[in-house]
């Protein structure tokens, strides 16, 4: 782990409080974004078997995978887009364009340093739309500081709770069912900000 403790300290004590103050001054909405891939062949770490027998599990054809990019806000805001394949700068810009159509306030978007996010093409697009959006990068290798990571964990747990999906359609249906439900559960989205690592980002009373 090449996390820099000084970078993290600066983020928590200086950078993020500054972002919050700027957002308040501009009446902007702060959103945290991340991606996650959900596999139909992902399996829980525990299995059940009779004594003396190996625990086995039927796994569907591997590489049935769908990915989600989402953004959450500490007042329960939630946006998402699903995709297949690998996220690149063009796909990320497509997601950002969607965010601008779904929101009315200016957005302060906080993201990690994935090359698809921190790309020349993306920054050029952000500058072109700076009346509506600004982008800020997390400290390096600090996923625990991103509230959207806790949504990803929740999504994966929910998709596999009913057993492994059998095919790509079932996987897509389960992902969409969970995400669509979340649109109507702002309190649940806010609960992601209760994790000790992201309480710094929770809404103030």
N, C-alpha and C. Protein backbone atom coordinates (compact mmCIF):
# COMPACT_ATOMS: atom_id res chain seq x y z
N UNK A 1 0.85 -1.19 0.00
CA UNK A 1 0.00 0.00 0.00
C UNK A 1 0.89 1.24 0.00
N UNK A 2 0.82 2.05 -1.05
CA UNK A 2 1.63 3.25 -1.14
C UNK A 2 0.88 4.49 -0.68
N UNK A 3 -0.09 4.29 0.21
CA UNK A 3 -0.82 5.43 0.73
C UNK A 3 0.14 6.34 1.49
N UNK A 4 -0.01 7.64 1.29
CA UNK A 4 0.84 8.61 1.96
C UNK A 4 0.06 9.20 3.13
N UNK A 5 0.47 8.89 4.38
CA UNK A 5 -0.28 9.36 5.55
C UNK A 5 -0.41 10.88 5.58
N UNK A 6 0.61 11.58 5.09
CA UNK A 6 0.56 13.05 5.08
C UNK A 6 -0.49 13.55 4.10
N UNK A 7 -0.58 12.86 2.95
CA UNK A 7 -1.59 13.22 1.95
C UNK A 7 -3.01 13.01 2.51
N UNK A 8 -3.18 11.90 3.25
CA UNK A 8 -4.48 11.60 3.86
C UNK A 8 -4.81 12.64 4.93
N UNK A 9 -3.82 12.96 5.76
CA UNK A 9 -4.03 13.96 6.82
C UNK A 9 -4.46 15.30 6.19
N UNK A 10 -3.74 15.68 5.13
CA UNK A 10 -4.04 16.96 4.46
C UNK A 10 -5.45 16.94 3.88
N UNK A 11 -5.82 15.80 3.29
CA UNK A 11 -7.18 15.66 2.72
C UNK A 11 -8.24 15.88 3.80
N UNK A 12 -8.07 15.20 4.93
CA UNK A 12 -9.08 15.24 6.00
C UNK A 12 -9.12 16.60 6.71
N UNK A 13 -7.96 17.20 6.90
CA UNK A 13 -7.89 18.41 7.73
C UNK A 13 -7.93 19.71 6.92
N UNK A 14 -7.51 19.64 5.64
CA UNK A 14 -7.43 20.88 4.85
C UNK A 14 -8.23 20.82 3.55
N UNK A 15 -7.88 19.83 2.69
CA UNK A 15 -8.47 19.82 1.34
C UNK A 15 -9.99 19.65 1.38
N UNK A 16 -10.48 18.61 2.07
CA UNK A 16 -11.92 18.40 2.06
C UNK A 16 -12.68 19.53 2.75
N UNK A 17 -12.23 20.01 3.92
CA UNK A 17 -12.93 21.17 4.51
C UNK A 17 -12.98 22.38 3.56
N UNK A 18 -11.92 22.57 2.77
CA UNK A 18 -11.91 23.66 1.77
C UNK A 18 -12.96 23.42 0.68
N UNK A 19 -13.03 22.17 0.21
CA UNK A 19 -14.03 21.81 -0.82
C UNK A 19 -15.44 22.09 -0.27
N UNK A 20 -15.65 21.70 0.99
CA UNK A 20 -16.96 21.91 1.62
C UNK A 20 -17.32 23.40 1.69
N UNK A 21 -16.33 24.21 2.07
CA UNK A 21 -16.58 25.66 2.17
C UNK A 21 -16.88 26.26 0.79
N UNK A 22 -16.10 25.84 -0.21
CA UNK A 22 -16.32 26.32 -1.58
C UNK A 22 -17.71 25.92 -2.08
N UNK A 23 -18.08 24.67 -1.80
CA UNK A 23 -19.38 24.16 -2.25
C UNK A 23 -20.51 24.97 -1.62
N UNK A 24 -20.34 25.29 -0.35
CA UNK A 24 -21.37 26.08 0.34
C UNK A 24 -21.47 27.47 -0.29
N UNK A 25 -20.32 28.06 -0.57
CA UNK A 25 -20.30 29.41 -1.16
C UNK A 25 -20.96 29.42 -2.54
N UNK A 26 -20.79 28.33 -3.30
CA UNK A 26 -21.36 28.25 -4.66
C UNK A 26 -22.71 27.56 -4.71
N UNK A 27 -23.21 27.15 -3.52
CA UNK A 27 -24.44 26.35 -3.43
C UNK A 27 -24.33 25.12 -4.35
N UNK A 28 -23.16 24.47 -4.28
CA UNK A 28 -22.92 23.28 -5.11
C UNK A 28 -23.20 22.01 -4.30
N UNK A 29 -23.40 20.94 -5.02
CA UNK A 29 -23.69 19.62 -4.42
C UNK A 29 -22.42 18.78 -4.53
N UNK A 30 -21.97 18.22 -3.41
CA UNK A 30 -20.77 17.37 -3.44
C UNK A 30 -21.21 15.92 -3.69
N UNK A 31 -20.61 15.30 -4.69
CA UNK A 31 -20.89 13.89 -4.99
C UNK A 31 -19.56 13.12 -5.02
N UNK A 32 -19.61 11.89 -4.53
CA UNK A 32 -18.44 10.99 -4.56
C UNK A 32 -18.75 9.89 -5.57
N UNK A 33 -17.78 9.57 -6.42
CA UNK A 33 -18.05 8.58 -7.46
C UNK A 33 -17.06 7.42 -7.42
N UNK A 34 -17.48 6.27 -7.94
CA UNK A 34 -16.62 5.09 -8.02
C UNK A 34 -17.27 4.09 -8.97
N UNK A 35 -16.48 3.08 -9.38
CA UNK A 35 -17.03 2.00 -10.22
C UNK A 35 -16.88 0.68 -9.46
N UNK A 36 -17.70 -0.28 -9.87
CA UNK A 36 -17.45 -1.63 -9.39
C UNK A 36 -17.97 -2.63 -10.40
N UNK A 37 -17.27 -3.76 -10.51
CA UNK A 37 -17.70 -4.83 -11.40
C UNK A 37 -18.35 -5.92 -10.56
N UNK A 38 -19.47 -6.44 -11.04
CA UNK A 38 -20.15 -7.53 -10.33
C UNK A 38 -20.10 -8.77 -11.22
N UNK A 39 -19.55 -9.85 -10.69
CA UNK A 39 -19.41 -11.10 -11.45
C UNK A 39 -20.47 -12.10 -11.05
N UNK A 40 -20.99 -12.83 -12.03
CA UNK A 40 -21.93 -13.92 -11.70
C UNK A 40 -21.17 -15.08 -11.07
N UNK A 41 -19.84 -15.13 -11.29
CA UNK A 41 -19.11 -16.26 -10.71
C UNK A 41 -18.37 -15.87 -9.44
N UNK A 42 -18.69 -14.69 -8.91
CA UNK A 42 -18.17 -14.32 -7.59
C UNK A 42 -18.86 -15.25 -6.59
N UNK A 43 -18.15 -15.71 -5.61
CA UNK A 43 -18.84 -16.59 -4.66
C UNK A 43 -18.46 -16.22 -3.23
N UNK A 44 -19.37 -16.49 -2.27
CA UNK A 44 -19.08 -16.17 -0.88
C UNK A 44 -17.90 -17.01 -0.38
N UNK A 45 -17.26 -16.54 0.65
CA UNK A 45 -16.05 -17.21 1.13
C UNK A 45 -16.33 -18.47 1.93
N UNK A 46 -17.57 -18.74 2.27
CA UNK A 46 -17.86 -19.93 3.07
C UNK A 46 -18.77 -20.86 2.30
N UNK A 47 -18.60 -22.13 2.51
CA UNK A 47 -19.48 -23.12 1.87
C UNK A 47 -19.91 -24.12 2.93
N UNK A 48 -20.84 -25.00 2.58
CA UNK A 48 -21.30 -26.00 3.54
C UNK A 48 -21.09 -27.38 2.93
N UNK A 49 -20.58 -28.31 3.72
CA UNK A 49 -20.43 -29.69 3.25
C UNK A 49 -20.61 -30.63 4.43
N UNK A 50 -21.02 -31.87 4.10
CA UNK A 50 -21.08 -32.89 5.16
C UNK A 50 -19.68 -33.16 5.66
N UNK A 51 -19.57 -33.60 6.88
CA UNK A 51 -18.27 -33.89 7.47
C UNK A 51 -17.48 -34.86 6.57
N UNK A 52 -16.25 -34.52 6.31
CA UNK A 52 -15.40 -35.40 5.51
C UNK A 52 -15.55 -35.20 4.01
N UNK A 53 -16.49 -34.36 3.59
CA UNK A 53 -16.67 -34.12 2.16
C UNK A 53 -16.25 -32.69 1.82
N UNK A 54 -15.80 -32.51 0.61
CA UNK A 54 -15.39 -31.16 0.17
C UNK A 54 -16.64 -30.33 -0.16
N UNK A 55 -16.59 -29.07 0.23
CA UNK A 55 -17.68 -28.16 -0.10
C UNK A 55 -17.54 -27.76 -1.57
N UNK A 56 -18.57 -27.97 -2.37
CA UNK A 56 -18.51 -27.58 -3.79
C UNK A 56 -19.68 -26.65 -4.10
N UNK A 57 -19.52 -25.93 -5.15
CA UNK A 57 -20.56 -24.98 -5.53
C UNK A 57 -20.64 -24.93 -7.05
N UNK A 58 -21.86 -25.00 -7.57
CA UNK A 58 -22.03 -24.87 -9.02
C UNK A 58 -21.83 -23.40 -9.39
N UNK A 59 -20.92 -23.14 -10.28
CA UNK A 59 -20.64 -21.77 -10.69
C UNK A 59 -21.02 -21.61 -12.15
N UNK A 60 -21.78 -20.57 -12.50
CA UNK A 60 -22.14 -20.39 -13.92
C UNK A 60 -20.90 -20.07 -14.74
N UNK A 61 -21.07 -20.09 -16.03
CA UNK A 61 -19.97 -19.80 -16.93
C UNK A 61 -19.27 -18.52 -16.47
N UNK A 62 -17.96 -18.58 -16.37
CA UNK A 62 -17.26 -17.44 -15.80
C UNK A 62 -17.29 -16.23 -16.74
N UNK A 63 -16.91 -15.12 -16.19
CA UNK A 63 -16.82 -13.85 -16.91
C UNK A 63 -18.18 -13.31 -17.33
N UNK A 64 -19.23 -13.74 -16.62
CA UNK A 64 -20.49 -13.02 -16.78
C UNK A 64 -20.34 -11.83 -15.82
N UNK A 65 -20.14 -10.67 -16.38
CA UNK A 65 -19.78 -9.52 -15.55
C UNK A 65 -20.48 -8.27 -16.06
N UNK A 66 -20.91 -7.46 -15.12
CA UNK A 66 -21.48 -6.17 -15.47
C UNK A 66 -20.91 -5.15 -14.51
N UNK A 67 -20.67 -3.96 -14.98
CA UNK A 67 -20.08 -2.95 -14.12
C UNK A 67 -21.03 -1.78 -13.91
N UNK A 68 -20.81 -1.11 -12.79
CA UNK A 68 -21.65 0.02 -12.40
C UNK A 68 -20.74 1.19 -12.05
N UNK A 69 -21.05 2.37 -12.55
CA UNK A 69 -20.41 3.59 -12.04
C UNK A 69 -21.53 4.36 -11.36
N UNK A 70 -21.25 4.84 -10.16
CA UNK A 70 -22.29 5.54 -9.40
C UNK A 70 -21.71 6.76 -8.72
N UNK A 71 -22.61 7.60 -8.22
CA UNK A 71 -22.21 8.78 -7.45
C UNK A 71 -23.22 8.94 -6.33
N UNK A 72 -22.69 9.23 -5.13
CA UNK A 72 -23.57 9.41 -3.96
C UNK A 72 -23.29 10.77 -3.30
N UNK A 73 -24.33 11.30 -2.67
CA UNK A 73 -24.19 12.54 -1.91
C UNK A 73 -24.63 12.30 -0.47
N UNK A 74 -24.14 13.13 0.45
CA UNK A 74 -24.40 12.85 1.86
C UNK A 74 -25.81 13.23 2.33
N UNK A 75 -26.63 13.76 1.41
CA UNK A 75 -28.05 13.95 1.73
C UNK A 75 -28.92 12.90 1.05
N UNK A 76 -28.27 11.82 0.59
CA UNK A 76 -29.02 10.72 0.00
C UNK A 76 -29.12 10.76 -1.51
N UNK A 77 -28.40 11.70 -2.16
CA UNK A 77 -28.42 11.76 -3.63
C UNK A 77 -27.75 10.50 -4.19
N UNK A 78 -28.27 10.03 -5.32
CA UNK A 78 -27.72 8.81 -5.91
C UNK A 78 -27.93 8.82 -7.43
N UNK A 79 -26.86 8.54 -8.17
CA UNK A 79 -26.92 8.46 -9.63
C UNK A 79 -26.12 7.24 -10.06
N UNK A 80 -26.52 6.60 -11.16
CA UNK A 80 -25.75 5.43 -11.61
C UNK A 80 -25.88 5.22 -13.10
N UNK A 81 -24.92 4.45 -13.62
CA UNK A 81 -24.95 4.00 -15.02
C UNK A 81 -24.31 2.62 -15.04
N UNK A 82 -24.90 1.67 -15.76
CA UNK A 82 -24.27 0.35 -15.86
C UNK A 82 -23.63 0.22 -17.24
N UNK A 83 -22.62 -0.61 -17.32
CA UNK A 83 -21.92 -0.79 -18.59
C UNK A 83 -21.21 -2.14 -18.59
N UNK A 84 -20.80 -2.59 -19.76
CA UNK A 84 -19.97 -3.79 -19.86
C UNK A 84 -18.62 -3.38 -20.42
N UNK A 85 -17.62 -4.20 -20.20
CA UNK A 85 -16.29 -3.86 -20.69
C UNK A 85 -15.56 -2.97 -19.70
N UNK A 86 -14.57 -2.25 -20.19
CA UNK A 86 -13.70 -1.46 -19.33
C UNK A 86 -14.07 0.01 -19.42
N UNK A 87 -14.05 0.67 -18.27
CA UNK A 87 -14.33 2.11 -18.26
C UNK A 87 -13.14 2.85 -18.88
N UNK A 88 -13.43 3.75 -19.83
CA UNK A 88 -12.39 4.62 -20.37
C UNK A 88 -12.87 6.07 -20.24
N UNK A 89 -12.05 7.00 -20.68
CA UNK A 89 -12.38 8.43 -20.53
C UNK A 89 -13.71 8.77 -21.21
N UNK A 90 -13.98 8.20 -22.40
CA UNK A 90 -15.22 8.51 -23.12
C UNK A 90 -16.45 8.07 -22.34
N UNK A 91 -16.36 6.88 -21.76
CA UNK A 91 -17.48 6.34 -20.98
C UNK A 91 -17.68 7.17 -19.71
N UNK A 92 -16.58 7.58 -19.10
CA UNK A 92 -16.67 8.41 -17.90
C UNK A 92 -17.32 9.76 -18.23
N UNK A 93 -16.96 10.34 -19.36
CA UNK A 93 -17.58 11.61 -19.78
C UNK A 93 -19.07 11.42 -20.03
N UNK A 94 -19.44 10.27 -20.59
CA UNK A 94 -20.86 9.96 -20.80
C UNK A 94 -21.61 9.97 -19.46
N UNK A 95 -20.99 9.38 -18.45
CA UNK A 95 -21.58 9.38 -17.10
C UNK A 95 -21.71 10.81 -16.57
N UNK A 96 -20.67 11.62 -16.76
CA UNK A 96 -20.68 13.01 -16.28
C UNK A 96 -21.77 13.82 -16.99
N UNK A 97 -21.94 13.57 -18.29
CA UNK A 97 -23.01 14.26 -19.04
C UNK A 97 -24.38 13.91 -18.45
N UNK A 98 -24.52 12.63 -18.09
CA UNK A 98 -25.77 12.20 -17.45
C UNK A 98 -26.00 12.91 -16.12
N UNK A 99 -24.92 13.06 -15.33
CA UNK A 99 -25.04 13.76 -14.04
C UNK A 99 -25.57 15.18 -14.23
N UNK A 100 -25.06 15.86 -15.25
CA UNK A 100 -25.48 17.24 -15.48
C UNK A 100 -26.96 17.33 -15.88
N UNK A 101 -27.46 16.30 -16.57
CA UNK A 101 -28.88 16.34 -16.94
C UNK A 101 -29.77 15.98 -15.75
N UNK A 102 -29.23 15.24 -14.78
CA UNK A 102 -30.04 14.79 -13.64
C UNK A 102 -30.00 15.75 -12.46
N UNK A 103 -29.16 16.77 -12.53
CA UNK A 103 -29.02 17.69 -11.40
C UNK A 103 -29.21 19.12 -11.88
N UNK A 104 -29.55 19.99 -10.96
CA UNK A 104 -29.71 21.40 -11.33
C UNK A 104 -28.61 22.26 -10.73
N UNK A 105 -28.08 21.83 -9.57
CA UNK A 105 -27.01 22.60 -8.93
C UNK A 105 -25.67 22.30 -9.58
N UNK A 106 -24.69 23.14 -9.27
CA UNK A 106 -23.32 22.82 -9.69
C UNK A 106 -22.86 21.59 -8.90
N UNK A 107 -22.05 20.75 -9.53
CA UNK A 107 -21.57 19.52 -8.88
C UNK A 107 -20.08 19.66 -8.57
N UNK A 108 -19.73 19.30 -7.35
CA UNK A 108 -18.33 19.09 -6.98
C UNK A 108 -18.14 17.58 -6.91
N UNK A 109 -17.45 17.03 -7.88
CA UNK A 109 -17.31 15.58 -7.97
C UNK A 109 -15.96 15.15 -7.42
N UNK A 110 -15.98 14.21 -6.49
CA UNK A 110 -14.75 13.69 -5.89
C UNK A 110 -14.54 12.27 -6.39
N UNK A 111 -13.35 12.01 -6.93
CA UNK A 111 -13.09 10.72 -7.55
C UNK A 111 -11.65 10.26 -7.28
N UNK A 112 -11.40 8.98 -7.53
CA UNK A 112 -10.03 8.49 -7.36
C UNK A 112 -9.21 8.78 -8.61
N UNK A 113 -7.96 8.34 -8.61
CA UNK A 113 -7.03 8.73 -9.67
C UNK A 113 -6.94 7.70 -10.80
N UNK A 114 -7.97 6.90 -10.97
CA UNK A 114 -8.02 5.96 -12.08
C UNK A 114 -7.72 6.71 -13.38
N UNK A 115 -6.96 6.08 -14.28
CA UNK A 115 -6.55 6.79 -15.50
C UNK A 115 -7.75 7.26 -16.34
N UNK A 116 -8.87 6.53 -16.26
CA UNK A 116 -10.07 6.95 -17.01
C UNK A 116 -10.67 8.24 -16.44
N UNK A 117 -10.42 8.51 -15.16
CA UNK A 117 -10.92 9.75 -14.54
C UNK A 117 -9.92 10.89 -14.76
N UNK A 118 -8.67 10.59 -14.41
CA UNK A 118 -7.62 11.62 -14.42
C UNK A 118 -6.98 11.65 -15.81
N UNK A 119 -7.82 11.92 -16.82
CA UNK A 119 -7.35 11.89 -18.21
C UNK A 119 -7.45 13.29 -18.81
N UNK A 120 -6.55 13.60 -19.71
CA UNK A 120 -6.53 14.92 -20.35
C UNK A 120 -7.89 15.26 -20.95
N UNK A 121 -8.48 14.27 -21.63
CA UNK A 121 -9.78 14.46 -22.28
C UNK A 121 -10.87 14.80 -21.26
N UNK A 122 -10.82 14.13 -20.11
CA UNK A 122 -11.82 14.37 -19.05
C UNK A 122 -11.67 15.78 -18.48
N UNK A 123 -10.42 16.16 -18.16
CA UNK A 123 -10.19 17.51 -17.60
C UNK A 123 -10.61 18.59 -18.59
N UNK A 124 -10.37 18.34 -19.88
CA UNK A 124 -10.78 19.32 -20.90
C UNK A 124 -12.30 19.48 -20.89
N UNK A 125 -13.02 18.35 -20.75
CA UNK A 125 -14.48 18.38 -20.70
C UNK A 125 -14.95 19.13 -19.45
N UNK A 126 -14.32 18.85 -18.30
CA UNK A 126 -14.69 19.50 -17.04
C UNK A 126 -14.49 21.02 -17.15
N UNK A 127 -13.37 21.43 -17.72
CA UNK A 127 -13.08 22.87 -17.87
C UNK A 127 -14.14 23.53 -18.77
N UNK A 128 -14.53 22.79 -19.81
CA UNK A 128 -15.56 23.28 -20.74
C UNK A 128 -16.91 23.48 -20.04
N UNK A 129 -17.14 22.69 -18.98
CA UNK A 129 -18.43 22.74 -18.26
C UNK A 129 -18.25 23.25 -16.83
N UNK A 130 -17.25 24.13 -16.62
CA UNK A 130 -16.92 24.49 -15.24
C UNK A 130 -17.99 25.34 -14.55
N UNK A 131 -18.94 25.85 -15.32
CA UNK A 131 -20.06 26.53 -14.65
C UNK A 131 -20.97 25.52 -13.94
N UNK A 132 -20.88 24.23 -14.35
CA UNK A 132 -21.74 23.18 -13.78
C UNK A 132 -21.00 22.12 -12.98
N UNK A 133 -19.70 21.97 -13.18
CA UNK A 133 -19.00 20.87 -12.52
C UNK A 133 -17.54 21.20 -12.26
N UNK A 134 -17.06 20.77 -11.09
CA UNK A 134 -15.63 20.80 -10.75
C UNK A 134 -15.26 19.40 -10.30
N UNK A 135 -14.03 18.99 -10.50
CA UNK A 135 -13.62 17.64 -10.11
C UNK A 135 -12.40 17.70 -9.19
N UNK A 136 -12.41 16.86 -8.17
CA UNK A 136 -11.33 16.81 -7.18
C UNK A 136 -10.88 15.36 -7.02
N UNK A 137 -9.58 15.15 -6.81
CA UNK A 137 -9.03 13.79 -6.72
C UNK A 137 -8.69 13.43 -5.28
N UNK A 138 -9.09 12.22 -4.90
CA UNK A 138 -8.72 11.67 -3.59
C UNK A 138 -7.20 11.51 -3.47
N UNK A 139 -6.71 11.42 -2.23
CA UNK A 139 -5.31 11.00 -2.05
C UNK A 139 -5.10 9.63 -2.72
N UNK A 140 -3.88 9.33 -3.10
CA UNK A 140 -3.57 8.05 -3.75
C UNK A 140 -3.89 6.86 -2.83
N UNK A 141 -4.39 5.79 -3.45
CA UNK A 141 -4.64 4.52 -2.76
C UNK A 141 -5.40 4.69 -1.44
N UNK A 142 -6.50 5.41 -1.52
CA UNK A 142 -7.29 5.66 -0.30
C UNK A 142 -8.77 5.35 -0.51
N UNK A 143 -9.09 4.12 -0.98
CA UNK A 143 -10.50 3.81 -1.26
C UNK A 143 -11.40 3.93 -0.04
N UNK A 144 -10.81 3.71 1.16
CA UNK A 144 -11.64 3.74 2.37
C UNK A 144 -12.21 5.13 2.65
N UNK A 145 -11.64 6.18 2.00
CA UNK A 145 -12.13 7.54 2.21
C UNK A 145 -13.33 7.87 1.31
N UNK A 146 -13.69 6.92 0.43
CA UNK A 146 -14.75 7.17 -0.55
C UNK A 146 -16.06 6.50 -0.12
N UNK A 147 -17.09 7.29 0.25
CA UNK A 147 -18.36 6.69 0.69
C UNK A 147 -18.96 5.75 -0.35
N UNK A 148 -18.68 6.00 -1.64
CA UNK A 148 -19.27 5.18 -2.71
C UNK A 148 -18.74 3.74 -2.67
N UNK A 149 -17.58 3.52 -2.07
CA UNK A 149 -17.04 2.16 -1.90
C UNK A 149 -18.01 1.30 -1.07
N UNK A 150 -18.69 1.92 -0.11
CA UNK A 150 -19.58 1.16 0.78
C UNK A 150 -20.87 0.80 0.06
N UNK A 151 -21.27 1.62 -0.91
CA UNK A 151 -22.36 1.24 -1.80
C UNK A 151 -21.96 0.00 -2.62
N UNK A 152 -20.73 0.00 -3.14
CA UNK A 152 -20.26 -1.13 -3.95
C UNK A 152 -20.35 -2.44 -3.17
N UNK A 153 -19.91 -2.41 -1.91
CA UNK A 153 -19.96 -3.61 -1.06
C UNK A 153 -21.40 -4.06 -0.87
N UNK A 154 -22.29 -3.10 -0.65
CA UNK A 154 -23.71 -3.38 -0.44
C UNK A 154 -24.32 -4.00 -1.69
N UNK A 155 -23.98 -3.44 -2.85
CA UNK A 155 -24.48 -3.95 -4.13
C UNK A 155 -24.07 -5.41 -4.34
N UNK A 156 -22.78 -5.69 -4.16
CA UNK A 156 -22.30 -7.07 -4.39
C UNK A 156 -22.98 -8.05 -3.44
N UNK A 157 -23.12 -7.64 -2.17
CA UNK A 157 -23.78 -8.51 -1.19
C UNK A 157 -25.21 -8.80 -1.57
N UNK A 158 -25.92 -7.78 -2.04
CA UNK A 158 -27.33 -7.94 -2.41
C UNK A 158 -27.51 -8.80 -3.65
N UNK A 159 -26.66 -8.59 -4.64
CA UNK A 159 -26.79 -9.35 -5.89
C UNK A 159 -26.60 -10.85 -5.65
N UNK A 160 -25.71 -11.20 -4.72
CA UNK A 160 -25.41 -12.62 -4.52
C UNK A 160 -26.18 -13.26 -3.36
N UNK A 161 -27.00 -12.46 -2.68
CA UNK A 161 -27.72 -12.98 -1.52
C UNK A 161 -28.64 -14.13 -1.90
N UNK A 162 -29.24 -14.04 -3.08
CA UNK A 162 -30.20 -15.07 -3.51
C UNK A 162 -29.50 -16.23 -4.22
N UNK A 163 -28.18 -16.34 -4.07
CA UNK A 163 -27.44 -17.36 -4.81
C UNK A 163 -26.85 -16.74 -6.06
N UNK A 164 -26.01 -17.49 -6.75
CA UNK A 164 -25.33 -16.93 -7.92
C UNK A 164 -26.30 -16.75 -9.09
N UNK A 165 -26.22 -15.62 -9.78
CA UNK A 165 -27.06 -15.45 -10.98
C UNK A 165 -26.66 -16.49 -12.03
N UNK A 166 -27.63 -16.95 -12.81
CA UNK A 166 -27.36 -18.01 -13.79
C UNK A 166 -26.82 -17.51 -15.12
N UNK A 167 -27.16 -16.28 -15.48
CA UNK A 167 -26.72 -15.77 -16.78
C UNK A 167 -26.63 -14.26 -16.72
N UNK A 168 -26.20 -13.66 -17.82
CA UNK A 168 -25.96 -12.20 -17.80
C UNK A 168 -27.25 -11.41 -17.63
N UNK A 169 -28.36 -11.94 -18.13
CA UNK A 169 -29.63 -11.22 -17.97
C UNK A 169 -30.07 -11.18 -16.51
N UNK A 170 -29.92 -12.33 -15.84
CA UNK A 170 -30.30 -12.38 -14.42
C UNK A 170 -29.39 -11.48 -13.59
N UNK A 171 -28.11 -11.48 -13.93
CA UNK A 171 -27.17 -10.60 -13.22
C UNK A 171 -27.58 -9.14 -13.43
N UNK A 172 -27.84 -8.75 -14.68
CA UNK A 172 -28.24 -7.36 -14.98
C UNK A 172 -29.53 -7.00 -14.27
N UNK A 173 -30.50 -7.94 -14.24
CA UNK A 173 -31.80 -7.67 -13.58
C UNK A 173 -31.60 -7.42 -12.09
N UNK A 174 -30.76 -8.24 -11.45
CA UNK A 174 -30.55 -8.07 -10.00
C UNK A 174 -29.84 -6.77 -9.69
N UNK A 175 -28.85 -6.42 -10.52
CA UNK A 175 -28.13 -5.16 -10.31
C UNK A 175 -29.09 -3.98 -10.44
N UNK A 176 -29.89 -3.99 -11.52
CA UNK A 176 -30.82 -2.88 -11.75
C UNK A 176 -31.88 -2.81 -10.65
N UNK A 177 -32.37 -3.95 -10.21
CA UNK A 177 -33.39 -3.95 -9.15
C UNK A 177 -32.85 -3.27 -7.90
N UNK A 178 -31.61 -3.60 -7.53
CA UNK A 178 -31.01 -3.01 -6.33
C UNK A 178 -30.81 -1.50 -6.53
N UNK A 179 -30.26 -1.11 -7.68
CA UNK A 179 -29.95 0.31 -7.92
C UNK A 179 -31.22 1.16 -8.00
N UNK A 180 -32.25 0.63 -8.66
CA UNK A 180 -33.50 1.39 -8.78
C UNK A 180 -34.17 1.56 -7.42
N UNK A 181 -34.08 0.52 -6.58
CA UNK A 181 -34.65 0.61 -5.23
C UNK A 181 -33.93 1.71 -4.43
N UNK A 182 -32.61 1.78 -4.63
CA UNK A 182 -31.79 2.73 -3.89
C UNK A 182 -32.16 4.18 -4.22
N UNK A 183 -32.65 4.42 -5.44
CA UNK A 183 -33.07 5.78 -5.82
C UNK A 183 -34.15 6.31 -4.89
N UNK A 184 -34.95 5.39 -4.32
CA UNK A 184 -36.04 5.80 -3.43
C UNK A 184 -35.69 5.66 -1.95
N UNK A 185 -34.41 5.41 -1.65
CA UNK A 185 -34.01 5.19 -0.25
C UNK A 185 -32.86 6.12 0.15
N UNK A 186 -33.12 7.44 0.18
CA UNK A 186 -32.04 8.36 0.52
C UNK A 186 -31.42 8.09 1.90
N UNK A 187 -32.25 7.63 2.83
CA UNK A 187 -31.72 7.31 4.17
C UNK A 187 -30.70 6.19 4.12
N UNK A 188 -30.93 5.23 3.23
CA UNK A 188 -30.00 4.11 3.08
C UNK A 188 -28.68 4.59 2.46
N UNK A 189 -28.80 5.49 1.47
CA UNK A 189 -27.60 6.06 0.86
C UNK A 189 -26.80 6.84 1.91
N UNK A 190 -27.51 7.59 2.76
CA UNK A 190 -26.83 8.36 3.81
C UNK A 190 -26.10 7.45 4.79
N UNK A 191 -26.61 6.22 4.95
CA UNK A 191 -25.98 5.29 5.91
C UNK A 191 -24.56 4.91 5.49
N UNK A 192 -24.24 5.03 4.19
CA UNK A 192 -22.87 4.73 3.74
C UNK A 192 -21.87 5.71 4.36
N UNK A 193 -22.35 6.87 4.73
CA UNK A 193 -21.47 7.91 5.29
C UNK A 193 -21.26 7.72 6.80
N UNK A 194 -21.86 6.66 7.37
CA UNK A 194 -21.70 6.44 8.81
C UNK A 194 -20.47 5.60 9.13
N UNK A 195 -19.87 5.00 8.11
CA UNK A 195 -18.67 4.20 8.36
C UNK A 195 -17.59 5.12 8.93
N UNK A 196 -16.85 4.64 9.96
CA UNK A 196 -15.86 5.52 10.61
C UNK A 196 -14.90 6.21 9.64
N UNK A 197 -14.51 5.53 8.56
CA UNK A 197 -13.53 6.12 7.63
C UNK A 197 -14.11 7.27 6.81
N UNK A 198 -15.43 7.33 6.71
CA UNK A 198 -16.03 8.39 5.85
C UNK A 198 -16.94 9.34 6.63
N UNK A 199 -16.88 9.24 7.95
CA UNK A 199 -17.73 10.17 8.72
C UNK A 199 -17.35 11.62 8.48
N UNK A 200 -16.12 11.84 8.07
CA UNK A 200 -15.66 13.21 7.75
C UNK A 200 -16.54 13.83 6.66
N UNK A 201 -17.15 12.96 5.81
CA UNK A 201 -17.92 13.43 4.65
C UNK A 201 -19.41 13.48 4.92
N UNK A 202 -19.85 13.05 6.10
CA UNK A 202 -21.28 13.01 6.41
C UNK A 202 -21.85 14.43 6.47
N UNK A 203 -23.17 14.51 6.25
CA UNK A 203 -23.84 15.81 6.32
C UNK A 203 -23.78 16.33 7.75
N UNK A 204 -23.63 17.64 7.89
CA UNK A 204 -23.64 18.25 9.24
C UNK A 204 -25.08 18.48 9.67
N UNK A 205 -25.32 18.31 10.95
CA UNK A 205 -26.69 18.57 11.45
C UNK A 205 -26.98 20.06 11.45
